[in-house]
Amino acid sequence: MNEIFNKALLPMIKDAYEEKDGILGYRQMTIKLNRERHLTVNHKRIYRLMGILGLKSVCRRKRKKLHPFHA
């Protein structure tokens, strides 16, 4: 039962990952699937399945803080 559900989840995860250009991590992926697909999926399952697929989220750089010039 769980293996069948996992196999059904894999293409959903891959589609959502490609749709957002790899920005989504496992937490946001869980929220997206639960809301849009009306599923009840635990974040640990998404984390494990993303690891199987080799999907990692893109780490965005922090913005540089501009400091005013002190004279």
PDB file of N, CA and C in Angstrom:
ATOM      1  N   MET A   1       0.831  -1.204   0.000  1.00  0.00           N
ATOM      2  CA  MET A   1       0.000   0.000   0.000  1.00  0.00           C
ATOM      3  C   MET A   1       0.867   1.255   0.000  1.00  0.00           C
ATOM      4  N   ASN A   2       1.802   1.335   0.947  1.00  0.00           N
ATOM      5  CA  ASN A   2       2.658   2.513   1.016  1.00  0.00           C
ATOM      6  C   ASN A   2       3.557   2.636  -0.201  1.00  0.00           C
ATOM      7  N   GLU A   3       4.043   1.515  -0.711  1.00  0.00           N
ATOM      8  CA  GLU A   3       4.913   1.556  -1.884  1.00  0.00           C
ATOM      9  C   GLU A   3       4.159   2.065  -3.104  1.00  0.00           C
ATOM     10  N   ILE A   4       2.906   1.700  -3.223  1.00  0.00           N
ATOM     11  CA  ILE A   4       2.084   2.169  -4.341  1.00  0.00           C
ATOM     12  C   ILE A   4       1.877   3.678  -4.227  1.00  0.00           C
ATOM     13  N   PHE A   5       1.606   4.153  -3.009  1.00  0.00           N
ATOM     14  CA  PHE A   5       1.408   5.586  -2.785  1.00  0.00           C
ATOM     15  C   PHE A   5       2.700   6.349  -3.043  1.00  0.00           C
ATOM     16  N   ASN A   6       3.833   5.778  -2.616  1.00  0.00           N
ATOM     17  CA  ASN A   6       5.126   6.426  -2.854  1.00  0.00           C
ATOM     18  C   ASN A   6       5.414   6.544  -4.346  1.00  0.00           C
ATOM     19  N   LYS A   7       5.121   5.495  -5.104  1.00  0.00           N
ATOM     20  CA  LYS A   7       5.352   5.535  -6.547  1.00  0.00           C
ATOM     21  C   LYS A   7       4.447   6.552  -7.227  1.00  0.00           C
ATOM     22  N   ALA A   8       3.259   6.759  -6.684  1.00  0.00           N
ATOM     23  CA  ALA A   8       2.354   7.775  -7.232  1.00  0.00           C
ATOM     24  C   ALA A   8       2.823   9.179  -6.867  1.00  0.00           C
ATOM     25  N   LEU A   9       3.486   9.311  -5.724  1.00  0.00           N
ATOM     26  CA  LEU A   9       3.964  10.622  -5.280  1.00  0.00           C
ATOM     27  C   LEU A   9       5.190  11.101  -6.049  1.00  0.00           C
ATOM     28  N   LEU A  10       6.036  10.183  -6.488  1.00  0.00           N
ATOM     29  CA  LEU A  10       7.295  10.562  -7.140  1.00  0.00           C
ATOM     30  C   LEU A  10       7.106  11.503  -8.328  1.00  0.00           C
ATOM     31  N   PRO A  11       6.208  11.216  -9.290  1.00  0.00           N
ATOM     32  CA  PRO A  11       6.033  12.174 -10.392  1.00  0.00           C
ATOM     33  C   PRO A  11       5.436  13.503  -9.940  1.00  0.00           C
ATOM     34  N   MET A  12       4.593  13.481  -8.915  1.00  0.00           N
ATOM     35  CA  MET A  12       4.027  14.735  -8.399  1.00  0.00           C
ATOM     36  C   MET A  12       5.126  15.618  -7.823  1.00  0.00           C
ATOM     37  N   ILE A  13       6.039  15.010  -7.080  1.00  0.00           N
ATOM     38  CA  ILE A  13       7.148  15.753  -6.480  1.00  0.00           C
ATOM     39  C   ILE A  13       8.043  16.323  -7.570  1.00  0.00           C
ATOM     40  N   LYS A  14       8.351  15.500  -8.564  1.00  0.00           N
ATOM     41  CA  LYS A  14       9.231  15.942  -9.649  1.00  0.00           C
ATOM     42  C   LYS A  14       8.601  17.081 -10.445  1.00  0.00           C
ATOM     43  N   ASP A  15       7.303  16.994 -10.717  1.00  0.00           N
ATOM     44  CA  ASP A  15       6.603  18.051 -11.453  1.00  0.00           C
ATOM     45  C   ASP A  15       6.607  19.366 -10.679  1.00  0.00           C
ATOM     46  N   ALA A  16       6.314  19.294  -9.382  1.00  0.00           N
ATOM     47  CA  ALA A  16       6.290  20.502  -8.556  1.00  0.00           C
ATOM     48  C   ALA A  16       7.683  21.106  -8.447  1.00  0.00           C
ATOM     49  N   TYR A  17       8.705  20.258  -8.378  1.00  0.00           N
ATOM     50  CA  TYR A  17      10.092  20.720  -8.286  1.00  0.00           C
ATOM     51  C   TYR A  17      10.489  21.470  -9.556  1.00  0.00           C
ATOM     52  N   GLU A  18      10.158  20.905 -10.714  1.00  0.00           N
ATOM     53  CA  GLU A  18      10.507  21.533 -11.989  1.00  0.00           C
ATOM     54  C   GLU A  18       9.671  22.784 -12.245  1.00  0.00           C
ATOM     55  N   GLU A  19       8.447  22.785 -11.760  1.00  0.00           N
ATOM     56  CA  GLU A  19       7.565  23.946 -11.935  1.00  0.00           C
ATOM     57  C   GLU A  19       8.138  25.182 -11.242  1.00  0.00           C
ATOM     58  N   LYS A  20       8.747  24.988 -10.082  1.00  0.00           N
ATOM     59  CA  LYS A  20       9.309  26.099  -9.308  1.00  0.00           C
ATOM     60  C   LYS A  20      10.819  26.237  -9.494  1.00  0.00           C
ATOM     61  N   ASP A  21      11.376  25.607 -10.526  1.00  0.00           N
ATOM     62  CA  ASP A  21      12.804  25.701 -10.862  1.00  0.00           C
ATOM     63  C   ASP A  21      13.723  25.278  -9.726  1.00  0.00           C
ATOM     64  N   GLY A  22      13.311  24.301  -8.958  1.00  0.00           N
ATOM     65  CA  GLY A  22      14.174  23.741  -7.930  1.00  0.00           C
ATOM     66  C   GLY A  22      14.302  24.552  -6.663  1.00  0.00           C
ATOM     67  N   ILE A  23      13.442  25.534  -6.472  1.00  0.00           N
ATOM     68  CA  ILE A  23      13.529  26.385  -5.287  1.00  0.00           C
ATOM     69  C   ILE A  23      12.918  25.702  -4.069  1.00  0.00           C
ATOM     70  N   LEU A  24      11.916  24.863  -4.286  1.00  0.00           N
ATOM     71  CA  LEU A  24      11.209  24.261  -3.159  1.00  0.00           C
ATOM     72  C   LEU A  24      12.048  23.207  -2.454  1.00  0.00           C
ATOM     73  N   GLY A  25      12.106  23.323  -1.147  1.00  0.00           N
ATOM     74  CA  GLY A  25      12.698  22.282  -0.321  1.00  0.00           C
ATOM     75  C   GLY A  25      11.605  21.343   0.148  1.00  0.00           C
ATOM     76  N   TYR A  26      11.952  20.454   1.048  1.00  0.00           N
ATOM     77  CA  TYR A  26      10.964  19.448   1.454  1.00  0.00           C
ATOM     78  C   TYR A  26       9.821  20.060   2.250  1.00  0.00           C
ATOM     79  N   ARG A  27      10.074  21.126   2.995  1.00  0.00           N
ATOM     80  CA  ARG A  27       8.996  21.730   3.788  1.00  0.00           C
ATOM     81  C   ARG A  27       7.966  22.408   2.893  1.00  0.00           C
ATOM     82  N   GLN A  28       8.445  23.252   1.971  1.00  0.00           N
ATOM     83  CA  GLN A  28       7.533  23.938   1.062  1.00  0.00           C
ATOM     84  C   GLN A  28       6.872  22.954   0.097  1.00  0.00           C
ATOM     85  N   MET A  29       7.607  21.917  -0.267  1.00  0.00           N
ATOM     86  CA  MET A  29       7.042  20.886  -1.149  1.00  0.00           C
ATOM     87  C   MET A  29       5.867  20.192  -0.464  1.00  0.00           C
ATOM     88  N   THR A  30       6.020  19.897   0.821  1.00  0.00           N
ATOM     89  CA  THR A  30       4.947  19.254   1.581  1.00  0.00           C
ATOM     90  C   THR A  30       3.714  20.142   1.621  1.00  0.00           C
ATOM     91  N   ILE A  31       3.920  21.416   1.893  1.00  0.00           N
ATOM     92  CA  ILE A  31       2.804  22.365   1.955  1.00  0.00           C
ATOM     93  C   ILE A  31       2.107  22.452   0.598  1.00  0.00           C
ATOM     94  N   LYS A  32       2.907  22.545  -0.465  1.00  0.00           N
ATOM     95  CA  LYS A  32       2.343  22.661  -1.816  1.00  0.00           C
ATOM     96  C   LYS A  32       1.510  21.431  -2.184  1.00  0.00           C
ATOM     97  N   LEU A  33       2.036  20.244  -1.938  1.00  0.00           N
ATOM     98  CA  LEU A  33       1.301  19.026  -2.291  1.00  0.00           C
ATOM     99  C   LEU A  33       0.045  18.864  -1.448  1.00  0.00           C
ATOM    100  N   ASN A  34       0.144  19.177  -0.166  1.00  0.00           N
ATOM    101  CA  ASN A  34      -1.022  19.034   0.706  1.00  0.00           C
ATOM    102  C   ASN A  34      -2.132  20.005   0.331  1.00  0.00           C
ATOM    103  N   ARG A  35      -1.763  21.220  -0.068  1.00  0.00           N
ATOM    104  CA  ARG A  35      -2.782  22.223  -0.405  1.00  0.00           C
ATOM    105  C   ARG A  35      -3.346  22.030  -1.801  1.00  0.00           C
ATOM    106  N   GLU A  36      -2.460  21.901  -2.785  1.00  0.00           N
ATOM    107  CA  GLU A  36      -2.916  21.880  -4.176  1.00  0.00           C
ATOM    108  C   GLU A  36      -3.484  20.529  -4.605  1.00  0.00           C
ATOM    109  N   ARG A  37      -2.922  19.457  -4.108  1.00  0.00           N
ATOM    110  CA  ARG A  37      -3.369  18.123  -4.509  1.00  0.00           C
ATOM    111  C   ARG A  37      -4.309  17.497  -3.488  1.00  0.00           C
ATOM    112  N   HIS A  38      -4.593  18.225  -2.415  1.00  0.00           N
ATOM    113  CA  HIS A  38      -5.496  17.760  -1.351  1.00  0.00           C
ATOM    114  C   HIS A  38      -5.053  16.409  -0.791  1.00  0.00           C
ATOM    115  N   LEU A  39      -3.762  16.340  -0.488  1.00  0.00           N
ATOM    116  CA  LEU A  39      -3.195  15.126   0.090  1.00  0.00           C
ATOM    117  C   LEU A  39      -2.903  15.350   1.562  1.00  0.00           C
ATOM    118  N   THR A  40      -2.641  14.284   2.260  1.00  0.00           N
ATOM    119  CA  THR A  40      -2.143  14.363   3.630  1.00  0.00           C
ATOM    120  C   THR A  40      -0.840  13.576   3.650  1.00  0.00           C
ATOM    121  N   VAL A  41       0.254  14.300   3.440  1.00  0.00           N
ATOM    122  CA  VAL A  41       1.566  13.677   3.347  1.00  0.00           C
ATOM    123  C   VAL A  41       2.464  14.304   4.399  1.00  0.00           C
ATOM    124  N   ASN A  42       3.213  13.458   5.100  1.00  0.00           N
ATOM    125  CA  ASN A  42       4.125  13.912   6.131  1.00  0.00           C
ATOM    126  C   ASN A  42       5.405  14.456   5.490  1.00  0.00           C
ATOM    127  N   HIS A  43       6.024  15.450   6.146  1.00  0.00           N
ATOM    128  CA  HIS A  43       7.242  16.055   5.616  1.00  0.00           C
ATOM    129  C   HIS A  43       8.398  15.065   5.559  1.00  0.00           C
ATOM    130  N   LYS A  44       8.403  14.079   6.449  1.00  0.00           N
ATOM    131  CA  LYS A  44       9.486  13.090   6.460  1.00  0.00           C
ATOM    132  C   LYS A  44       9.431  12.196   5.219  1.00  0.00           C
ATOM    133  N   ARG A  45       8.222  11.915   4.752  1.00  0.00           N
ATOM    134  CA  ARG A  45       8.069  11.105   3.543  1.00  0.00           C
ATOM    135  C   ARG A  45       8.562  11.883   2.326  1.00  0.00           C
ATOM    136  N   ILE A  46       8.196  13.167   2.255  1.00  0.00           N
ATOM    137  CA  ILE A  46       8.641  14.005   1.141  1.00  0.00           C
ATOM    138  C   ILE A  46      10.160  14.128   1.150  1.00  0.00           C
ATOM    139  N   TYR A  47      10.746  14.304   2.334  1.00  0.00           N
ATOM    140  CA  TYR A  47      12.199  14.408   2.480  1.00  0.00           C
ATOM    141  C   TYR A  47      12.877  13.146   1.941  1.00  0.00           C
ATOM    142  N   ARG A  48      12.354  11.995   2.313  1.00  0.00           N
ATOM    143  CA  ARG A  48      12.927  10.718   1.890  1.00  0.00           C
ATOM    144  C   ARG A  48      12.789  10.525   0.383  1.00  0.00           C
ATOM    145  N   LEU A  49      11.616  10.839  -0.153  1.00  0.00           N
ATOM    146  CA  LEU A  49      11.386  10.654  -1.584  1.00  0.00           C
ATOM    147  C   LEU A  49      12.200  11.638  -2.423  1.00  0.00           C
ATOM    148  N   MET A  50      12.378  12.857  -1.939  1.00  0.00           N
ATOM    149  CA  MET A  50      13.223  13.813  -2.653  1.00  0.00           C
ATOM    150  C   MET A  50      14.671  13.338  -2.656  1.00  0.00           C
ATOM    151  N   GLY A  51      15.086  12.690  -1.576  1.00  0.00           N
ATOM    152  CA  GLY A  51      16.432  12.122  -1.526  1.00  0.00           C
ATOM    153  C   GLY A  51      16.602  10.991  -2.524  1.00  0.00           C
ATOM    154  N   ILE A  52      15.575  10.163  -2.674  1.00  0.00           N
ATOM    155  CA  ILE A  52      15.621   9.070  -3.649  1.00  0.00           C
ATOM    156  C   ILE A  52      15.726   9.626  -5.068  1.00  0.00           C
ATOM    157  N   LEU A  53      14.991  10.704  -5.339  1.00  0.00           N
ATOM    158  CA  LEU A  53      15.023  11.322  -6.666  1.00  0.00           C
ATOM    159  C   LEU A  53      16.275  12.165  -6.891  1.00  0.00           C
ATOM    160  N   GLY A  54      16.999  12.461  -5.822  1.00  0.00           N
ATOM    161  CA  GLY A  54      18.201  13.292  -5.936  1.00  0.00           C
ATOM    162  C   GLY A  54      17.883  14.766  -6.099  1.00  0.00           C
ATOM    163  N   LEU A  55      16.751  15.202  -5.563  1.00  0.00           N
ATOM    164  CA  LEU A  55      16.338  16.600  -5.678  1.00  0.00           C
ATOM    165  C   LEU A  55      16.743  17.369  -4.430  1.00  0.00           C
ATOM    166  N   LYS A  56      17.430  18.477  -4.645  1.00  0.00           N
ATOM    167  CA  LYS A  56      17.797  19.359  -3.542  1.00  0.00           C
ATOM    168  C   LYS A  56      17.373  20.765  -3.916  1.00  0.00           C
ATOM    169  N   SER A  57      16.972  21.534  -2.928  1.00  0.00           N
ATOM    170  CA  SER A  57      16.537  22.892  -3.220  1.00  0.00           C
ATOM    171  C   SER A  57      17.753  23.777  -3.458  1.00  0.00           C
ATOM    172  N   VAL A  58      17.543  24.815  -4.240  1.00  0.00           N
ATOM    173  CA  VAL A  58      18.592  25.780  -4.530  1.00  0.00           C
ATOM    174  C   VAL A  58      18.675  26.739  -3.355  1.00  0.00           C
ATOM    175  N   CYS A  59      19.865  26.897  -2.809  1.00  0.00           N
ATOM    176  CA  CYS A  59      20.063  27.843  -1.711  1.00  0.00           C
ATOM    177  C   CYS A  59      20.233  29.227  -2.312  1.00  0.00           C
ATOM    178  N   ARG A  60      19.356  30.121  -1.928  1.00  0.00           N
ATOM    179  CA  ARG A  60      19.438  31.477  -2.448  1.00  0.00           C
ATOM    180  C   ARG A  60      20.405  32.291  -1.609  1.00  0.00           C
ATOM    181  N   ARG A  61      21.174  33.157  -2.257  1.00  0.00           N
ATOM    182  CA  ARG A  61      22.146  33.984  -1.556  1.00  0.00           C
ATOM    183  C   ARG A  61      21.448  35.075  -0.767  1.00  0.00           C
ATOM    184  N   LYS A  62      22.082  35.440   0.329  1.00  0.00           N
ATOM    185  CA  LYS A  62      21.563  36.552   1.104  1.00  0.00           C
ATOM    186  C   LYS A  62      21.925  37.847   0.394  1.00  0.00           C
ATOM    187  N   ARG A  63      21.057  38.831   0.532  1.00  0.00           N
ATOM    188  CA  ARG A  63      21.329  40.123  -0.077  1.00  0.00           C
ATOM    189  C   ARG A  63      22.383  40.854   0.733  1.00  0.00           C
ATOM    190  N   LYS A  64      23.200  41.603   0.024  1.00  0.00           N
ATOM    191  CA  LYS A  64      24.201  42.411   0.700  1.00  0.00           C
ATOM    192  C   LYS A  64      23.521  43.601   1.344  1.00  0.00           C
ATOM    193  N   LYS A  65      23.889  43.870   2.582  1.00  0.00           N
ATOM    194  CA  LYS A  65      23.325  45.033   3.257  1.00  0.00           C
ATOM    195  C   LYS A  65      24.124  46.264   2.850  1.00  0.00           C
ATOM    196  N   LEU A  66      23.423  47.274   2.410  1.00  0.00           N
ATOM    197  CA  LEU A  66      24.082  48.517   2.042  1.00  0.00           C
ATOM    198  C   LEU A  66      24.149  49.418   3.266  1.00  0.00           C
ATOM    199  N   HIS A  67      25.354  49.794   3.605  1.00  0.00           N
ATOM    200  CA  HIS A  67      25.550  50.668   4.753  1.00  0.00           C
ATOM    201  C   HIS A  67      25.767  52.091   4.259  1.00  0.00           C
ATOM    202  N   PRO A  68      25.156  53.049   4.907  1.00  0.00           N
ATOM    203  CA  PRO A  68      25.382  54.435   4.487  1.00  0.00           C
ATOM    204  C   PRO A  68      26.840  54.826   4.734  1.00  0.00           C
ATOM    205  N   PHE A  69      27.344  55.691   3.885  1.00  0.00           N
ATOM    206  CA  PHE A  69      28.729  56.139   4.001  1.00  0.00           C
ATOM    207  C   PHE A  69      28.867  57.084   5.190  1.00  0.00           C
ATOM    208  N   HIS A  70      29.829  56.798   6.046  1.00  0.00           N
ATOM    209  CA  HIS A  70      30.085  57.659   7.203  1.00  0.00           C
ATOM    210  C   HIS A  70      31.293  58.522   6.905  1.00  0.00           C
ATOM    211  N   ALA A  71      31.136  59.833   7.019  1.00  0.00           N
ATOM    212  CA  ALA A  71      32.247  60.742   6.721  1.00  0.00           C
ATOM    213  C   ALA A  71      32.888  61.269   7.973  1.00  0.00           C
TER     214      ALA A  71
END
